[in-house]
Amino acid sequence: MVIRSVDLETVIGVSSKIPQNSRPEVAFAGRSNVGKSSLINTLMGRKSYARVSAKPGKTQTINYYNVNGEVYIVDLPGYGYASVSGETRIKWAKMTGKYFRQSEMLRMVFLLVDSRREPSDSDRSTYEWICDNGFSPAIIATKTDKLKKSQIPAHIKAIREGLDLPEETPLVPFSSETKEGREEVWELIERYVIAAEQDQQ
């Protein structure tokens, strides 16, 4: 995917209306500090477009990035953030739920999990919640640069088994440091979203 333009077009909070876009949307979900902002920056070929923070729960809004005027990359709030209040977590969950229900152009969902750890209860419940909302999320195993290459296959297997993934579910090892997996993620977006949208026109 050649990135010609990126525009942070819309930022919405808890009380905002969900925009009704005319281009397909691809949403990225994951627990706080899983590397979602770094992944989005890597996908877009930008160093600091999505704000990266060591403090969990930094993304408290839904951010829409218009890429090439073809597709929206939608950055959802993280889950599992221990440092914020329960009331705030509930608000963020409601906001994400509203997005899934009301977006007319959401075409694909990626769920990020940390490649170094087995899926948490939050990862599993979020995966099931996404499926219950009508989507079969592709999985991205982040921070693979923190593992030895020889360790990665076993960790990928543990993620697949921990989430009880169907055999056909894509699972992409990813590193924002080495750019491993960047092209694979874009290939999935181009195949299942951009090309599919063009076929319908």
C-alpha atoms as a PDB file:
ATOM      1  CA  MET A   1       0.000   0.000   0.000  1.00  0.00           C
ATOM      2  CA  VAL A   2       1.479   3.339  -1.059  1.00  0.00           C
ATOM      3  CA  ILE A   3       0.391   6.031   1.402  1.00  0.00           C
ATOM      4  CA  ARG A   4      -0.155   9.265  -0.511  1.00  0.00           C
ATOM      5  CA  SER A   5      -2.136  11.194   2.089  1.00  0.00           C
ATOM      6  CA  VAL A   6      -3.299  10.870   5.691  1.00  0.00           C
ATOM      7  CA  ASP A   7      -5.778  13.192   7.373  1.00  0.00           C
ATOM      8  CA  LEU A   8      -7.032  12.977  10.944  1.00  0.00           C
ATOM      9  CA  GLU A   9     -10.494  13.902   9.788  1.00  0.00           C
ATOM     10  CA  THR A  10     -12.785  13.264  12.765  1.00  0.00           C
ATOM     11  CA  VAL A  11     -12.348  12.872  16.522  1.00  0.00           C
ATOM     12  CA  ILE A  12     -15.404  11.938  18.565  1.00  0.00           C
ATOM     13  CA  GLY A  13     -16.008  11.584  22.275  1.00  0.00           C
ATOM     14  CA  VAL A  14     -18.629   9.939  24.452  1.00  0.00           C
ATOM     15  CA  SER A  15     -21.475  12.318  23.555  1.00  0.00           C
ATOM     16  CA  SER A  16     -20.563  12.830  19.881  1.00  0.00           C
ATOM     17  CA  LYS A  17     -22.620  11.582  16.963  1.00  0.00           C
ATOM     18  CA  ILE A  18     -21.140   8.765  14.912  1.00  0.00           C
ATOM     19  CA  PRO A  19     -20.209  10.214  11.491  1.00  0.00           C
ATOM     20  CA  GLN A  20     -21.795   8.592   8.459  1.00  0.00           C
ATOM     21  CA  ASN A  21     -18.895   8.379   6.042  1.00  0.00           C
ATOM     22  CA  SER A  22     -19.011   7.454   2.375  1.00  0.00           C
ATOM     23  CA  ARG A  23     -15.801   5.412   2.461  1.00  0.00           C
ATOM     24  CA  PRO A  24     -15.189   2.043   4.137  1.00  0.00           C
ATOM     25  CA  GLU A  25     -13.884   1.938   7.695  1.00  0.00           C
ATOM     26  CA  VAL A  26     -11.393  -0.439   9.305  1.00  0.00           C
ATOM     27  CA  ALA A  27     -11.374  -0.409  13.108  1.00  0.00           C
ATOM     28  CA  PHE A  28      -8.478  -1.299  15.409  1.00  0.00           C
ATOM     29  CA  ALA A  29      -9.232  -2.482  18.940  1.00  0.00           C
ATOM     30  CA  GLY A  30      -6.937  -3.614  21.725  1.00  0.00           C
ATOM     31  CA  ARG A  31      -6.158  -3.240  25.381  1.00  0.00           C
ATOM     32  CA  SER A  32      -4.323  -0.162  26.574  1.00  0.00           C
ATOM     33  CA  ASN A  33      -0.568  -0.175  25.968  1.00  0.00           C
ATOM     34  CA  VAL A  34      -0.758  -3.037  23.454  1.00  0.00           C
ATOM     35  CA  GLY A  35       0.914  -0.819  20.846  1.00  0.00           C
ATOM     36  CA  LYS A  36      -2.132   0.346  18.895  1.00  0.00           C
ATOM     37  CA  SER A  37      -0.989   3.922  18.295  1.00  0.00           C
ATOM     38  CA  SER A  38       2.473   2.719  17.241  1.00  0.00           C
ATOM     39  CA  LEU A  39       0.884   0.213  14.859  1.00  0.00           C
ATOM     40  CA  ILE A  40      -1.344   2.871  13.287  1.00  0.00           C
ATOM     41  CA  ASN A  41       1.634   5.212  12.838  1.00  0.00           C
ATOM     42  CA  THR A  42       3.557   2.362  11.205  1.00  0.00           C
ATOM     43  CA  LEU A  43       0.681   1.524   8.873  1.00  0.00           C
ATOM     44  CA  MET A  44       0.372   5.145   7.796  1.00  0.00           C
ATOM     45  CA  GLY A  45       4.100   5.689   7.432  1.00  0.00           C
ATOM     46  CA  ARG A  46       4.066   8.468  10.019  1.00  0.00           C
ATOM     47  CA  LYS A  47       6.204   8.726  13.147  1.00  0.00           C
ATOM     48  CA  SER A  48       3.831  10.505  15.492  1.00  0.00           C
ATOM     49  CA  TYR A  49       0.414  10.985  13.888  1.00  0.00           C
ATOM     50  CA  ALA A  50      -1.354   8.834  16.462  1.00  0.00           C
ATOM     51  CA  ARG A  51      -0.197   9.857  19.921  1.00  0.00           C
ATOM     52  CA  VAL A  52       1.970   7.243  21.608  1.00  0.00           C
ATOM     53  CA  SER A  53       2.116   7.151  25.394  1.00  0.00           C
ATOM     54  CA  ALA A  54       3.587   4.888  28.053  1.00  0.00           C
ATOM     55  CA  LYS A  55       0.545   5.694  30.176  1.00  0.00           C
ATOM     56  CA  PRO A  56      -2.330   3.255  29.547  1.00  0.00           C
ATOM     57  CA  GLY A  57      -5.678   4.682  28.479  1.00  0.00           C
ATOM     58  CA  LYS A  58      -4.296   7.643  26.524  1.00  0.00           C
ATOM     59  CA  THR A  59      -6.709   7.194  23.612  1.00  0.00           C
ATOM     60  CA  GLN A  60     -10.049   8.323  25.046  1.00  0.00           C
ATOM     61  CA  THR A  61     -11.705   9.177  21.751  1.00  0.00           C
ATOM     62  CA  ILE A  62     -12.513   7.458  18.477  1.00  0.00           C
ATOM     63  CA  ASN A  63     -10.144   8.835  15.837  1.00  0.00           C
ATOM     64  CA  TYR A  64     -10.841   8.588  12.098  1.00  0.00           C
ATOM     65  CA  TYR A  65      -7.825   8.737   9.771  1.00  0.00           C
ATOM     66  CA  ASN A  66      -8.663   9.228   6.091  1.00  0.00           C
ATOM     67  CA  VAL A  67      -5.997   7.371   4.103  1.00  0.00           C
ATOM     68  CA  ASN A  68      -5.607   8.210   0.399  1.00  0.00           C
ATOM     69  CA  GLY A  69      -9.267   9.232   0.250  1.00  0.00           C
ATOM     70  CA  GLU A  70     -10.006   5.494   0.004  1.00  0.00           C
ATOM     71  CA  VAL A  71     -10.406   4.098   3.500  1.00  0.00           C
ATOM     72  CA  TYR A  72     -10.724   5.224   7.113  1.00  0.00           C
ATOM     73  CA  ILE A  73      -8.439   3.776   9.755  1.00  0.00           C
ATOM     74  CA  VAL A  74     -10.487   4.016  12.961  1.00  0.00           C
ATOM     75  CA  ASP A  75      -8.566   4.024  16.256  1.00  0.00           C
ATOM     76  CA  LEU A  76     -10.829   2.827  19.072  1.00  0.00           C
ATOM     77  CA  PRO A  77     -10.236   3.511  22.796  1.00  0.00           C
ATOM     78  CA  GLY A  78      -8.193   0.866  24.570  1.00  0.00           C
ATOM     79  CA  TYR A  79      -9.703  -1.501  27.100  1.00  0.00           C
ATOM     80  CA  GLY A  80      -8.299  -2.925  30.321  1.00  0.00           C
ATOM     81  CA  TYR A  81      -6.894   0.388  31.505  1.00  0.00           C
ATOM     82  CA  ALA A  82      -6.411   0.043  35.246  1.00  0.00           C
ATOM     83  CA  SER A  83      -5.389   3.641  35.914  1.00  0.00           C
ATOM     84  CA  VAL A  84      -8.744   5.264  35.103  1.00  0.00           C
ATOM     85  CA  SER A  85     -12.026   5.159  36.978  1.00  0.00           C
ATOM     86  CA  GLY A  86     -14.642   2.482  36.449  1.00  0.00           C
ATOM     87  CA  GLU A  87     -17.097   5.179  35.371  1.00  0.00           C
ATOM     88  CA  THR A  88     -14.734   6.313  32.625  1.00  0.00           C
ATOM     89  CA  ARG A  89     -14.205   2.731  31.450  1.00  0.00           C
ATOM     90  CA  ILE A  90     -17.966   2.267  31.189  1.00  0.00           C
ATOM     91  CA  LYS A  91     -18.299   5.468  29.146  1.00  0.00           C
ATOM     92  CA  TRP A  92     -15.598   4.315  26.756  1.00  0.00           C
ATOM     93  CA  ALA A  93     -17.244   0.892  26.396  1.00  0.00           C
ATOM     94  CA  LYS A  94     -20.551   2.583  25.593  1.00  0.00           C
ATOM     95  CA  MET A  95     -18.856   4.784  23.007  1.00  0.00           C
ATOM     96  CA  THR A  96     -17.279   1.794  21.266  1.00  0.00           C
ATOM     97  CA  GLY A  97     -20.566  -0.104  21.369  1.00  0.00           C
ATOM     98  CA  LYS A  98     -22.375   2.841  19.824  1.00  0.00           C
ATOM     99  CA  TYR A  99     -19.798   2.955  17.040  1.00  0.00           C
ATOM    100  CA  PHE A 100     -20.289  -0.724  16.200  1.00  0.00           C
ATOM    101  CA  ARG A 101     -24.067  -0.340  16.157  1.00  0.00           C
ATOM    102  CA  GLN A 102     -24.318   2.937  14.248  1.00  0.00           C
ATOM    103  CA  SER A 103     -21.456   2.990  11.749  1.00  0.00           C
ATOM    104  CA  GLU A 104     -22.778   2.118   8.306  1.00  0.00           C
ATOM    105  CA  MET A 105     -19.336   1.783   6.722  1.00  0.00           C
ATOM    106  CA  LEU A 106     -17.458  -0.426   9.207  1.00  0.00           C
ATOM    107  CA  ARG A 107     -16.166  -3.275   7.063  1.00  0.00           C
ATOM    108  CA  MET A 108     -13.375  -4.938   9.053  1.00  0.00           C
ATOM    109  CA  VAL A 109     -12.081  -5.130  12.620  1.00  0.00           C
ATOM    110  CA  PHE A 110      -8.560  -5.922  13.816  1.00  0.00           C
ATOM    111  CA  LEU A 111      -8.004  -7.017  17.414  1.00  0.00           C
ATOM    112  CA  LEU A 112      -4.506  -6.408  18.798  1.00  0.00           C
ATOM    113  CA  VAL A 113      -3.002  -8.694  21.427  1.00  0.00           C
ATOM    114  CA  ASP A 114       0.464  -8.666  22.975  1.00  0.00           C
ATOM    115  CA  SER A 115       2.544 -11.417  21.373  1.00  0.00           C
ATOM    116  CA  ARG A 116       4.517 -11.910  24.609  1.00  0.00           C
ATOM    117  CA  ARG A 117       1.525 -12.997  26.685  1.00  0.00           C
ATOM    118  CA  GLU A 118      -1.360 -15.389  26.449  1.00  0.00           C
ATOM    119  CA  PRO A 119      -4.687 -13.621  25.757  1.00  0.00           C
ATOM    120  CA  SER A 120      -6.165 -12.057  28.882  1.00  0.00           C
ATOM    121  CA  ASP A 121      -9.755 -12.347  30.031  1.00  0.00           C
ATOM    122  CA  SER A 122     -10.303  -8.868  28.557  1.00  0.00           C
ATOM    123  CA  ASP A 123      -8.845  -9.990  25.217  1.00  0.00           C
ATOM    124  CA  ARG A 124     -11.126 -13.018  25.134  1.00  0.00           C
ATOM    125  CA  SER A 125     -14.255 -11.134  26.142  1.00  0.00           C
ATOM    126  CA  THR A 126     -13.527  -8.379  23.608  1.00  0.00           C
ATOM    127  CA  TYR A 127     -12.986 -10.958  20.857  1.00  0.00           C
ATOM    128  CA  GLU A 128     -16.319 -12.575  21.717  1.00  0.00           C
ATOM    129  CA  TRP A 129     -18.024  -9.168  21.904  1.00  0.00           C
ATOM    130  CA  ILE A 130     -16.758  -8.240  18.418  1.00  0.00           C
ATOM    131  CA  CYS A 131     -18.030 -11.573  17.063  1.00  0.00           C
ATOM    132  CA  ASP A 132     -21.395 -11.026  18.768  1.00  0.00           C
ATOM    133  CA  ASN A 133     -21.605  -7.701  16.934  1.00  0.00           C
ATOM    134  CA  GLY A 134     -21.364  -9.432  13.581  1.00  0.00           C
ATOM    135  CA  PHE A 135     -17.664  -9.226  12.758  1.00  0.00           C
ATOM    136  CA  SER A 136     -14.941 -11.866  12.573  1.00  0.00           C
ATOM    137  CA  PRO A 137     -11.871  -9.896  13.656  1.00  0.00           C
ATOM    138  CA  ALA A 138      -8.427 -10.490  12.230  1.00  0.00           C
ATOM    139  CA  ILE A 139      -5.793 -10.703  14.962  1.00  0.00           C
ATOM    140  CA  ILE A 140      -2.544  -8.754  15.182  1.00  0.00           C
ATOM    141  CA  ALA A 141       0.120 -10.030  17.585  1.00  0.00           C
ATOM    142  CA  THR A 142       2.103  -6.918  18.518  1.00  0.00           C
ATOM    143  CA  LYS A 143       5.625  -6.322  19.846  1.00  0.00           C
ATOM    144  CA  THR A 144       7.186  -9.394  18.223  1.00  0.00           C
ATOM    145  CA  ASP A 145      10.551  -7.603  18.292  1.00  0.00           C
ATOM    146  CA  LYS A 146      10.534  -8.262  22.047  1.00  0.00           C
ATOM    147  CA  LEU A 147      10.669 -12.015  21.356  1.00  0.00           C
ATOM    148  CA  LYS A 148      13.394 -14.178  19.888  1.00  0.00           C
ATOM    149  CA  LYS A 149      12.506 -15.301  16.368  1.00  0.00           C
ATOM    150  CA  SER A 150      12.515 -18.896  17.535  1.00  0.00           C
ATOM    151  CA  GLN A 151       9.871 -18.045  20.161  1.00  0.00           C
ATOM    152  CA  ILE A 152       7.348 -16.412  17.842  1.00  0.00           C
ATOM    153  CA  PRO A 153       5.649 -19.554  16.397  1.00  0.00           C
ATOM    154  CA  ALA A 154       4.872 -20.913  19.879  1.00  0.00           C
ATOM    155  CA  HIS A 155       3.485 -17.567  21.026  1.00  0.00           C
ATOM    156  CA  ILE A 156       1.337 -17.259  17.899  1.00  0.00           C
ATOM    157  CA  LYS A 157      -0.023 -20.750  18.557  1.00  0.00           C
ATOM    158  CA  ALA A 158      -0.801 -19.797  22.171  1.00  0.00           C
ATOM    159  CA  ILE A 159      -2.762 -16.749  20.994  1.00  0.00           C
ATOM    160  CA  ARG A 160      -4.725 -18.786  18.454  1.00  0.00           C
ATOM    161  CA  GLU A 161      -5.576 -21.401  21.072  1.00  0.00           C
ATOM    162  CA  GLY A 162      -6.213 -18.847  23.830  1.00  0.00           C
ATOM    163  CA  LEU A 163      -8.814 -17.035  21.716  1.00  0.00           C
ATOM    164  CA  ASP A 164     -10.116 -20.320  20.248  1.00  0.00           C
ATOM    165  CA  LEU A 165      -9.800 -18.866  16.755  1.00  0.00           C
ATOM    166  CA  PRO A 166     -11.314 -20.519  13.701  1.00  0.00           C
ATOM    167  CA  GLU A 167      -8.593 -21.956  11.480  1.00  0.00           C
ATOM    168  CA  GLU A 168      -9.257 -19.405   8.725  1.00  0.00           C
ATOM    169  CA  THR A 169      -8.838 -16.350  10.989  1.00  0.00           C
ATOM    170  CA  PRO A 170      -5.838 -14.239   9.890  1.00  0.00           C
ATOM    171  CA  LEU A 171      -3.225 -13.774  12.631  1.00  0.00           C
ATOM    172  CA  VAL A 172      -0.409 -11.372  11.761  1.00  0.00           C
ATOM    173  CA  PRO A 173       2.827 -11.097  13.810  1.00  0.00           C
ATOM    174  CA  PHE A 174       3.626  -7.370  13.976  1.00  0.00           C
ATOM    175  CA  SER A 175       6.389  -5.060  15.153  1.00  0.00           C
ATOM    176  CA  SER A 176       6.343  -1.288  14.879  1.00  0.00           C
ATOM    177  CA  GLU A 177      10.116  -1.354  15.413  1.00  0.00           C
ATOM    178  CA  THR A 178      11.010  -3.670  12.518  1.00  0.00           C
ATOM    179  CA  LYS A 179       7.858  -3.042  10.416  1.00  0.00           C
ATOM    180  CA  GLU A 180       7.211  -6.795  10.396  1.00  0.00           C
ATOM    181  CA  GLY A 181       3.600  -7.433   9.418  1.00  0.00           C
ATOM    182  CA  ARG A 182       2.915  -3.962   7.972  1.00  0.00           C
ATOM    183  CA  GLU A 183       2.465  -5.167   4.412  1.00  0.00           C
ATOM    184  CA  GLU A 184       0.438  -8.191   5.551  1.00  0.00           C
ATOM    185  CA  VAL A 185      -2.048  -5.953   7.377  1.00  0.00           C
ATOM    186  CA  TRP A 186      -2.419  -3.689   4.348  1.00  0.00           C
ATOM    187  CA  GLU A 187      -2.880  -6.727   2.100  1.00  0.00           C
ATOM    188  CA  LEU A 188      -5.790  -7.858   4.275  1.00  0.00           C
ATOM    189  CA  ILE A 189      -7.335  -4.369   4.156  1.00  0.00           C
ATOM    190  CA  GLU A 190      -6.906  -4.143   0.396  1.00  0.00           C
ATOM    191  CA  ARG A 191      -8.311  -7.632  -0.193  1.00  0.00           C
ATOM    192  CA  TYR A 192     -11.287  -7.608   2.157  1.00  0.00           C
ATOM    193  CA  VAL A 193     -12.170  -3.909   2.240  1.00  0.00           C
ATOM    194  CA  ILE A 194     -10.884  -1.745  -0.609  1.00  0.00           C
ATOM    195  CA  ALA A 195     -11.183  -4.312  -3.403  1.00  0.00           C
ATOM    196  CA  ALA A 196     -14.547  -5.537  -2.085  1.00  0.00           C
ATOM    197  CA  GLU A 197     -15.852  -1.968  -2.007  1.00  0.00           C
ATOM    198  CA  GLN A 198     -14.692  -1.348  -5.565  1.00  0.00           C
ATOM    199  CA  ASP A 199     -16.389  -4.549  -6.751  1.00  0.00           C
ATOM    200  CA  GLN A 200     -19.697  -3.280  -5.381  1.00  0.00           C
ATOM    201  CA  GLN A 201     -19.495   0.039  -7.235  1.00  0.00           C
END
